[in-house]
Amino acid sequence: MGKTIEKKSPFHTPSSTAARGEKGNGGKKEIIEIIIIILIGVAYITLAERKILGGMQRRKGPNLVGIYGLLQPISDGVKLVIKEIIIP
């Protein structure tokens, strides 16, 4: 009966770097991971928008690359990088 259980808030989590014992990296890796996830999400939201607009206008959407057009954002990104004019 002498033991007490300490309850913590479900919102209290230790810092991700402190929990792993890392020091001084400033969370750069986590920031880069978040940016990449957001960019991929935006690419697939754009794909969904293009498919919806294609259906509303009764024309084919971007469904020619990969299965159901799932590779379309990747091909769009490659096209964007290739078409860039680089002048040193």
PDB file of N, CA and C in Angstrom:
ATOM      1  N   MET A   1       0.800  -1.186   0.000  1.00  0.00           N
ATOM      2  CA  MET A   1       0.000   0.000   0.000  1.00  0.00           C
ATOM      3  C   MET A   1       0.849   1.259   0.000  1.00  0.00           C
ATOM      4  N   GLY A   2       2.122   1.144   0.252  1.00  0.00           N
ATOM      5  CA  GLY A   2       2.981   2.300   0.342  1.00  0.00           C
ATOM      6  C   GLY A   2       3.435   2.844  -1.014  1.00  0.00           C
ATOM      7  N   LYS A   3       3.207   2.098  -2.092  1.00  0.00           N
ATOM      8  CA  LYS A   3       3.659   2.548  -3.400  1.00  0.00           C
ATOM      9  C   LYS A   3       2.625   3.476  -4.027  1.00  0.00           C
ATOM     10  N   THR A   4       3.134   4.535  -4.619  1.00  0.00           N
ATOM     11  CA  THR A   4       2.250   5.438  -5.363  1.00  0.00           C
ATOM     12  C   THR A   4       2.683   5.409  -6.818  1.00  0.00           C
ATOM     13  N   ILE A   5       1.726   5.463  -7.688  1.00  0.00           N
ATOM     14  CA  ILE A   5       2.010   5.457  -9.117  1.00  0.00           C
ATOM     15  C   ILE A   5       1.917   6.883  -9.623  1.00  0.00           C
ATOM     16  N   GLU A   6       3.000   7.313 -10.231  1.00  0.00           N
ATOM     17  CA  GLU A   6       3.038   8.673 -10.756  1.00  0.00           C
ATOM     18  C   GLU A   6       2.468   8.678 -12.171  1.00  0.00           C
ATOM     19  N   LYS A   7       1.431   9.491 -12.377  1.00  0.00           N
ATOM     20  CA  LYS A   7       0.830   9.591 -13.701  1.00  0.00           C
ATOM     21  C   LYS A   7       1.426  10.777 -14.432  1.00  0.00           C
ATOM     22  N   LYS A   8       1.783  10.538 -15.682  1.00  0.00           N
ATOM     23  CA  LYS A   8       2.313  11.614 -16.512  1.00  0.00           C
ATOM     24  C   LYS A   8       1.277  11.972 -17.555  1.00  0.00           C
ATOM     25  N   SER A   9       1.327  13.180 -17.976  1.00  0.00           N
ATOM     26  CA  SER A   9       0.423  13.640 -19.028  1.00  0.00           C
ATOM     27  C   SER A   9       0.734  12.883 -20.315  1.00  0.00           C
ATOM     28  N   PRO A  10      -0.298  12.522 -21.089  1.00  0.00           N
ATOM     29  CA  PRO A  10      -0.020  11.836 -22.357  1.00  0.00           C
ATOM     30  C   PRO A  10       0.672  12.743 -23.369  1.00  0.00           C
ATOM     31  N   PHE A  11       0.664  14.048 -23.116  1.00  0.00           N
ATOM     32  CA  PHE A  11       1.284  14.993 -24.026  1.00  0.00           C
ATOM     33  C   PHE A  11       2.732  15.278 -23.668  1.00  0.00           C
ATOM     34  N   HIS A  12       3.200  14.779 -22.518  1.00  0.00           N
ATOM     35  CA  HIS A  12       4.564  15.011 -22.098  1.00  0.00           C
ATOM     36  C   HIS A  12       5.451  13.919 -22.675  1.00  0.00           C
ATOM     37  N   THR A  13       6.292  14.307 -23.620  1.00  0.00           N
ATOM     38  CA  THR A  13       7.257  13.355 -24.167  1.00  0.00           C
ATOM     39  C   THR A  13       8.631  14.007 -24.111  1.00  0.00           C
ATOM     40  N   PRO A  14       9.630  13.245 -23.807  1.00  0.00           N
ATOM     41  CA  PRO A  14      10.974  13.821 -23.777  1.00  0.00           C
ATOM     42  C   PRO A  14      11.435  14.206 -25.171  1.00  0.00           C
ATOM     43  N   SER A  15      12.377  15.092 -25.232  1.00  0.00           N
ATOM     44  CA  SER A  15      12.935  15.504 -26.519  1.00  0.00           C
ATOM     45  C   SER A  15      13.469  14.281 -27.244  1.00  0.00           C
ATOM     46  N   SER A  16      13.261  14.246 -28.558  1.00  0.00           N
ATOM     47  CA  SER A  16      13.672  13.058 -29.306  1.00  0.00           C
ATOM     48  C   SER A  16      15.181  12.846 -29.242  1.00  0.00           C
ATOM     49  N   THR A  17      15.951  13.931 -29.270  1.00  0.00           N
ATOM     50  CA  THR A  17      17.401  13.760 -29.206  1.00  0.00           C
ATOM     51  C   THR A  17      17.847  13.397 -27.795  1.00  0.00           C
ATOM     52  N   ALA A  18      17.176  13.943 -26.793  1.00  0.00           N
ATOM     53  CA  ALA A  18      17.547  13.620 -25.418  1.00  0.00           C
ATOM     54  C   ALA A  18      17.205  12.173 -25.096  1.00  0.00           C
ATOM     55  N   ALA A  19      16.111  11.676 -25.653  1.00  0.00           N
ATOM     56  CA  ALA A  19      15.701  10.299 -25.386  1.00  0.00           C
ATOM     57  C   ALA A  19      16.696   9.306 -25.978  1.00  0.00           C
ATOM     58  N   ARG A  20      17.346   9.690 -27.067  1.00  0.00           N
ATOM     59  CA  ARG A  20      18.310   8.789 -27.702  1.00  0.00           C
ATOM     60  C   ARG A  20      19.729   9.005 -27.202  1.00  0.00           C
ATOM     61  N   GLY A  21      19.922  10.003 -26.390  1.00  0.00           N
ATOM     62  CA  GLY A  21      21.243  10.256 -25.854  1.00  0.00           C
ATOM     63  C   GLY A  21      22.147  11.034 -26.780  1.00  0.00           C
ATOM     64  N   GLU A  22      21.599  11.633 -27.836  1.00  0.00           N
ATOM     65  CA  GLU A  22      22.418  12.402 -28.761  1.00  0.00           C
ATOM     66  C   GLU A  22      22.595  13.812 -28.212  1.00  0.00           C
ATOM     67  N   LYS A  23      23.719  14.411 -28.576  1.00  0.00           N
ATOM     68  CA  LYS A  23      23.988  15.761 -28.100  1.00  0.00           C
ATOM     69  C   LYS A  23      24.400  16.643 -29.257  1.00  0.00           C
ATOM     70  N   GLY A  24      23.843  17.838 -29.315  1.00  0.00           N
ATOM     71  CA  GLY A  24      24.348  18.880 -30.171  1.00  0.00           C
ATOM     72  C   GLY A  24      24.072  18.801 -31.659  1.00  0.00           C
ATOM     73  N   ASN A  25      23.210  17.916 -32.140  1.00  0.00           N
ATOM     74  CA  ASN A  25      22.983  17.904 -33.579  1.00  0.00           C
ATOM     75  C   ASN A  25      21.886  18.879 -33.980  1.00  0.00           C
ATOM     76  N   GLY A  26      21.150  19.419 -33.044  1.00  0.00           N
ATOM     77  CA  GLY A  26      20.169  20.443 -33.342  1.00  0.00           C
ATOM     78  C   GLY A  26      18.935  19.938 -34.052  1.00  0.00           C
ATOM     79  N   GLY A  27      18.769  18.667 -34.211  1.00  0.00           N
ATOM     80  CA  GLY A  27      17.585  18.117 -34.839  1.00  0.00           C
ATOM     81  C   GLY A  27      17.538  18.318 -36.343  1.00  0.00           C
ATOM     82  N   LYS A  28      18.696  18.470 -36.990  1.00  0.00           N
ATOM     83  CA  LYS A  28      18.720  18.699 -38.443  1.00  0.00           C
ATOM     84  C   LYS A  28      18.128  17.521 -39.204  1.00  0.00           C
ATOM     85  N   LYS A  29      18.423  16.333 -38.765  1.00  0.00           N
ATOM     86  CA  LYS A  29      17.909  15.148 -39.444  1.00  0.00           C
ATOM     87  C   LYS A  29      16.383  15.100 -39.373  1.00  0.00           C
ATOM     88  N   GLU A  30      15.840  15.418 -38.202  1.00  0.00           N
ATOM     89  CA  GLU A  30      14.392  15.407 -38.043  1.00  0.00           C
ATOM     90  C   GLU A  30      13.732  16.459 -38.917  1.00  0.00           C
ATOM     91  N   ILE A  31      14.340  17.614 -39.030  1.00  0.00           N
ATOM     92  CA  ILE A  31      13.782  18.689 -39.853  1.00  0.00           C
ATOM     93  C   ILE A  31      13.783  18.282 -41.321  1.00  0.00           C
ATOM     94  N   ILE A  32      14.875  17.683 -41.783  1.00  0.00           N
ATOM     95  CA  ILE A  32      14.952  17.236 -43.174  1.00  0.00           C
ATOM     96  C   ILE A  32      13.913  16.152 -43.444  1.00  0.00           C
ATOM     97  N   GLU A  33      13.724  15.224 -42.494  1.00  0.00           N
ATOM     98  CA  GLU A  33      12.718  14.174 -42.655  1.00  0.00           C
ATOM     99  C   GLU A  33      11.321  14.778 -42.772  1.00  0.00           C
ATOM    100  N   ILE A  34      11.008  15.758 -41.949  1.00  0.00           N
ATOM    101  CA  ILE A  34       9.695  16.396 -41.986  1.00  0.00           C
ATOM    102  C   ILE A  34       9.484  17.112 -43.316  1.00  0.00           C
ATOM    103  N   ILE A  35      10.502  17.811 -43.800  1.00  0.00           N
ATOM    104  CA  ILE A  35      10.382  18.525 -45.083  1.00  0.00           C
ATOM    105  C   ILE A  35      10.138  17.544 -46.218  1.00  0.00           C
ATOM    106  N   ILE A  36      10.854  16.420 -46.231  1.00  0.00           N
ATOM    107  CA  ILE A  36      10.678  15.422 -47.285  1.00  0.00           C
ATOM    108  C   ILE A  36       9.266  14.832 -47.233  1.00  0.00           C
ATOM    109  N   ILE A  37       8.773  14.533 -46.045  1.00  0.00           N
ATOM    110  CA  ILE A  37       7.424  13.988 -45.902  1.00  0.00           C
ATOM    111  C   ILE A  37       6.386  14.983 -46.410  1.00  0.00           C
ATOM    112  N   ILE A  38       6.564  16.259 -46.086  1.00  0.00           N
ATOM    113  CA  ILE A  38       5.625  17.287 -46.545  1.00  0.00           C
ATOM    114  C   ILE A  38       5.663  17.403 -48.067  1.00  0.00           C
ATOM    115  N   LEU A  39       6.844  17.389 -48.662  1.00  0.00           N
ATOM    116  CA  LEU A  39       6.953  17.488 -50.121  1.00  0.00           C
ATOM    117  C   LEU A  39       6.289  16.305 -50.825  1.00  0.00           C
ATOM    118  N   ILE A  40       6.474  15.115 -50.294  1.00  0.00           N
ATOM    119  CA  ILE A  40       5.832  13.943 -50.885  1.00  0.00           C
ATOM    120  C   ILE A  40       4.315  14.042 -50.739  1.00  0.00           C
ATOM    121  N   GLY A  41       3.852  14.499 -49.591  1.00  0.00           N
ATOM    122  CA  GLY A  41       2.414  14.679 -49.382  1.00  0.00           C
ATOM    123  C   GLY A  41       1.814  15.668 -50.355  1.00  0.00           C
ATOM    124  N   VAL A  42       2.494  16.786 -50.570  1.00  0.00           N
ATOM    125  CA  VAL A  42       2.010  17.800 -51.516  1.00  0.00           C
ATOM    126  C   VAL A  42       1.971  17.236 -52.929  1.00  0.00           C
ATOM    127  N   ALA A  43       2.962  16.435 -53.294  1.00  0.00           N
ATOM    128  CA  ALA A  43       2.981  15.841 -54.635  1.00  0.00           C
ATOM    129  C   ALA A  43       1.762  14.947 -54.848  1.00  0.00           C
ATOM    130  N   TYR A  44       1.402  14.154 -53.852  1.00  0.00           N
ATOM    131  CA  TYR A  44       0.260  13.256 -54.022  1.00  0.00           C
ATOM    132  C   TYR A  44      -1.072  13.990 -53.878  1.00  0.00           C
ATOM    133  N   ILE A  45      -1.117  15.083 -53.140  1.00  0.00           N
ATOM    134  CA  ILE A  45      -2.330  15.912 -53.115  1.00  0.00           C
ATOM    135  C   ILE A  45      -2.548  16.533 -54.493  1.00  0.00           C
ATOM    136  N   THR A  46      -1.464  16.963 -55.134  1.00  0.00           N
ATOM    137  CA  THR A  46      -1.558  17.504 -56.492  1.00  0.00           C
ATOM    138  C   THR A  46      -2.059  16.432 -57.456  1.00  0.00           C
ATOM    139  N   LEU A  47      -1.585  15.203 -57.305  1.00  0.00           N
ATOM    140  CA  LEU A  47      -2.053  14.103 -58.146  1.00  0.00           C
ATOM    141  C   LEU A  47      -3.555  13.901 -57.970  1.00  0.00           C
ATOM    142  N   ALA A  48      -4.021  13.903 -56.732  1.00  0.00           N
ATOM    143  CA  ALA A  48      -5.450  13.729 -56.472  1.00  0.00           C
ATOM    144  C   ALA A  48      -6.252  14.867 -57.095  1.00  0.00           C
ATOM    145  N   GLU A  49      -5.749  16.094 -56.972  1.00  0.00           N
ATOM    146  CA  GLU A  49      -6.436  17.244 -57.559  1.00  0.00           C
ATOM    147  C   GLU A  49      -6.542  17.095 -59.078  1.00  0.00           C
ATOM    148  N   ARG A  50      -5.457  16.672 -59.715  1.00  0.00           N
ATOM    149  CA  ARG A  50      -5.463  16.506 -61.169  1.00  0.00           C
ATOM    150  C   ARG A  50      -6.444  15.420 -61.597  1.00  0.00           C
ATOM    151  N   LYS A  51      -6.526  14.337 -60.820  1.00  0.00           N
ATOM    152  CA  LYS A  51      -7.473  13.269 -61.143  1.00  0.00           C
ATOM    153  C   LYS A  51      -8.910  13.750 -60.990  1.00  0.00           C
ATOM    154  N   ILE A  52      -9.189  14.498 -59.937  1.00  0.00           N
ATOM    155  CA  ILE A  52     -10.545  15.012 -59.714  1.00  0.00           C
ATOM    156  C   ILE A  52     -10.929  15.992 -60.820  1.00  0.00           C
ATOM    157  N   LEU A  53     -10.035  16.914 -61.140  1.00  0.00           N
ATOM    158  CA  LEU A  53     -10.332  17.879 -62.195  1.00  0.00           C
ATOM    159  C   LEU A  53     -10.490  17.189 -63.547  1.00  0.00           C
ATOM    160  N   GLY A  54      -9.700  16.158 -63.805  1.00  0.00           N
ATOM    161  CA  GLY A  54      -9.834  15.403 -65.042  1.00  0.00           C
ATOM    162  C   GLY A  54     -11.187  14.707 -65.135  1.00  0.00           C
ATOM    163  N   GLY A  55     -11.661  14.179 -64.005  1.00  0.00           N
ATOM    164  CA  GLY A  55     -12.978  13.542 -63.992  1.00  0.00           C
ATOM    165  C   GLY A  55     -14.103  14.543 -64.167  1.00  0.00           C
ATOM    166  N   MET A  56     -13.957  15.722 -63.575  1.00  0.00           N
ATOM    167  CA  MET A  56     -14.987  16.753 -63.705  1.00  0.00           C
ATOM    168  C   MET A  56     -15.074  17.267 -65.141  1.00  0.00           C
ATOM    169  N   GLN A  57     -13.962  17.295 -65.834  1.00  0.00           N
ATOM    170  CA  GLN A  57     -13.946  17.802 -67.199  1.00  0.00           C
ATOM    171  C   GLN A  57     -14.094  16.684 -68.224  1.00  0.00           C
ATOM    172  N   ARG A  58     -14.339  15.472 -67.737  1.00  0.00           N
ATOM    173  CA  ARG A  58     -14.544  14.297 -68.576  1.00  0.00           C
ATOM    174  C   ARG A  58     -13.379  14.044 -69.530  1.00  0.00           C
ATOM    175  N   ARG A  59     -12.199  14.113 -68.983  1.00  0.00           N
ATOM    176  CA  ARG A  59     -11.017  13.764 -69.756  1.00  0.00           C
ATOM    177  C   ARG A  59     -10.149  12.860 -68.896  1.00  0.00           C
ATOM    178  N   LYS A  60      -9.198  12.226 -69.526  1.00  0.00           N
ATOM    179  CA  LYS A  60      -8.340  11.315 -68.774  1.00  0.00           C
ATOM    180  C   LYS A  60      -7.402  12.108 -67.876  1.00  0.00           C
ATOM    181  N   GLY A  61      -7.251  11.639 -66.656  1.00  0.00           N
ATOM    182  CA  GLY A  61      -6.333  12.275 -65.719  1.00  0.00           C
ATOM    183  C   GLY A  61      -4.937  11.695 -65.882  1.00  0.00           C
ATOM    184  N   PRO A  62      -4.042  11.987 -64.964  1.00  0.00           N
ATOM    185  CA  PRO A  62      -2.667  11.486 -65.063  1.00  0.00           C
ATOM    186  C   PRO A  62      -2.587  10.028 -64.612  1.00  0.00           C
ATOM    187  N   ASN A  63      -3.091   9.128 -65.423  1.00  0.00           N
ATOM    188  CA  ASN A  63      -3.121   7.720 -65.028  1.00  0.00           C
ATOM    189  C   ASN A  63      -2.271   6.840 -65.942  1.00  0.00           C
ATOM    190  N   LEU A  64      -1.355   7.448 -66.661  1.00  0.00           N
ATOM    191  CA  LEU A  64      -0.585   6.689 -67.636  1.00  0.00           C
ATOM    192  C   LEU A  64       0.777   6.247 -67.124  1.00  0.00           C
ATOM    193  N   VAL A  65       1.223   6.759 -65.990  1.00  0.00           N
ATOM    194  CA  VAL A  65       2.537   6.426 -65.457  1.00  0.00           C
ATOM    195  C   VAL A  65       2.350   5.537 -64.232  1.00  0.00           C
ATOM    196  N   GLY A  66       2.795   4.306 -64.326  1.00  0.00           N
ATOM    197  CA  GLY A  66       2.694   3.396 -63.194  1.00  0.00           C
ATOM    198  C   GLY A  66       1.271   2.890 -62.998  1.00  0.00           C
ATOM    199  N   ILE A  67       1.030   2.267 -61.888  1.00  0.00           N
ATOM    200  CA  ILE A  67      -0.276   1.719 -61.550  1.00  0.00           C
ATOM    201  C   ILE A  67      -1.167   2.850 -61.038  1.00  0.00           C
ATOM    202  N   TYR A  68      -2.248   3.121 -61.728  1.00  0.00           N
ATOM    203  CA  TYR A  68      -3.212   4.163 -61.372  1.00  0.00           C
ATOM    204  C   TYR A  68      -2.572   5.540 -61.262  1.00  0.00           C
ATOM    205  N   GLY A  69      -1.462   5.762 -61.924  1.00  0.00           N
ATOM    206  CA  GLY A  69      -0.815   7.062 -61.913  1.00  0.00           C
ATOM    207  C   GLY A  69      -0.034   7.377 -60.638  1.00  0.00           C
ATOM    208  N   LEU A  70       0.287   6.373 -59.851  1.00  0.00           N
ATOM    209  CA  LEU A  70       0.979   6.616 -58.578  1.00  0.00           C
ATOM    210  C   LEU A  70       2.421   7.077 -58.772  1.00  0.00           C
ATOM    211  N   LEU A  71       2.984   6.857 -59.952  1.00  0.00           N
ATOM    212  CA  LEU A  71       4.357   7.294 -60.206  1.00  0.00           C
ATOM    213  C   LEU A  71       4.405   8.658 -60.894  1.00  0.00           C
ATOM    214  N   GLN A  72       3.245   9.260 -61.152  1.00  0.00           N
ATOM    215  CA  GLN A  72       3.194  10.549 -61.831  1.00  0.00           C
ATOM    216  C   GLN A  72       3.944  11.649 -61.066  1.00  0.00           C
ATOM    217  N   PRO A  73       3.787  11.790 -59.735  1.00  0.00           N
ATOM    218  CA  PRO A  73       4.551  12.840 -59.037  1.00  0.00           C
ATOM    219  C   PRO A  73       6.056  12.664 -59.163  1.00  0.00           C
ATOM    220  N   ILE A  74       6.528  11.422 -59.190  1.00  0.00           N
ATOM    221  CA  ILE A  74       7.964  11.181 -59.334  1.00  0.00           C
ATOM    222  C   ILE A  74       8.423  11.600 -60.725  1.00  0.00           C
ATOM    223  N   SER A  75       7.637  11.242 -61.751  1.00  0.00           N
ATOM    224  CA  SER A  75       8.024  11.641 -63.105  1.00  0.00           C
ATOM    225  C   SER A  75       7.945  13.159 -63.274  1.00  0.00           C
ATOM    226  N   ASP A  76       6.997  13.812 -62.612  1.00  0.00           N
ATOM    227  CA  ASP A  76       6.924  15.270 -62.661  1.00  0.00           C
ATOM    228  C   ASP A  76       8.167  15.904 -62.035  1.00  0.00           C
ATOM    229  N   GLY A  77       8.623  15.339 -60.914  1.00  0.00           N
ATOM    230  CA  GLY A  77       9.821  15.860 -60.270  1.00  0.00           C
ATOM    231  C   GLY A  77      11.065  15.676 -61.109  1.00  0.00           C
ATOM    232  N   VAL A  78      11.197  14.511 -61.735  1.00  0.00           N
ATOM    233  CA  VAL A  78      12.348  14.258 -62.615  1.00  0.00           C
ATOM    234  C   VAL A  78      12.321  15.217 -63.800  1.00  0.00           C
ATOM    235  N   LYS A  79      11.144  15.418 -64.381  1.00  0.00           N
ATOM    236  CA  LYS A  79      11.005  16.339 -65.508  1.00  0.00           C
ATOM    237  C   LYS A  79      11.385  17.759 -65.104  1.00  0.00           C
ATOM    238  N   LEU A  80      10.978  18.171 -63.902  1.00  0.00           N
ATOM    239  CA  LEU A  80      11.303  19.513 -63.407  1.00  0.00           C
ATOM    240  C   LEU A  80      12.804  19.701 -63.267  1.00  0.00           C
ATOM    241  N   VAL A  81      13.498  18.693 -62.750  1.00  0.00           N
ATOM    242  CA  VAL A  81      14.944  18.784 -62.561  1.00  0.00           C
ATOM    243  C   VAL A  81      15.674  18.763 -63.899  1.00  0.00           C
ATOM    244  N   ILE A  82      15.218  17.918 -64.823  1.00  0.00           N
ATOM    245  CA  ILE A  82      15.889  17.798 -66.124  1.00  0.00           C
ATOM    246  C   ILE A  82      15.719  19.066 -66.958  1.00  0.00           C
ATOM    247  N   LYS A  83      14.555  19.695 -66.907  1.00  0.00           N
ATOM    248  CA  LYS A  83      14.289  20.866 -67.740  1.00  0.00           C
ATOM    249  C   LYS A  83      14.950  22.142 -67.215  1.00  0.00           C
ATOM    250  N   GLU A  84      15.495  22.094 -66.016  1.00  0.00           N
ATOM    251  CA  GLU A  84      16.124  23.272 -65.421  1.00  0.00           C
ATOM    252  C   GLU A  84      17.375  23.637 -66.200  1.00  0.00           C
ATOM    253  N   ILE A  85      17.505  24.898 -66.570  1.00  0.00           N
ATOM    254  CA  ILE A  85      18.693  25.387 -67.283  1.00  0.00           C
ATOM    255  C   ILE A  85      19.738  25.764 -66.243  1.00  0.00           C
ATOM    256  N   ILE A  86      20.866  25.120 -66.319  1.00  0.00           N
ATOM    257  CA  ILE A  86      21.937  25.371 -65.362  1.00  0.00           C
ATOM    258  C   ILE A  86      23.062  26.094 -66.074  1.00  0.00           C
ATOM    259  N   ILE A  87      23.354  27.314 -65.642  1.00  0.00           N
ATOM    260  CA  ILE A  87      24.439  28.095 -66.213  1.00  0.00           C
ATOM    261  C   ILE A  87      25.459  28.338 -65.107  1.00  0.00           C
ATOM    262  N   PRO A  88      26.640  27.752 -65.250  1.00  0.00           N
ATOM    263  CA  PRO A  88      27.650  27.923 -64.189  1.00  0.00           C
ATOM    264  C   PRO A  88      28.253  29.315 -64.161  1.00  0.00           C
TER     265      PRO A  88
END
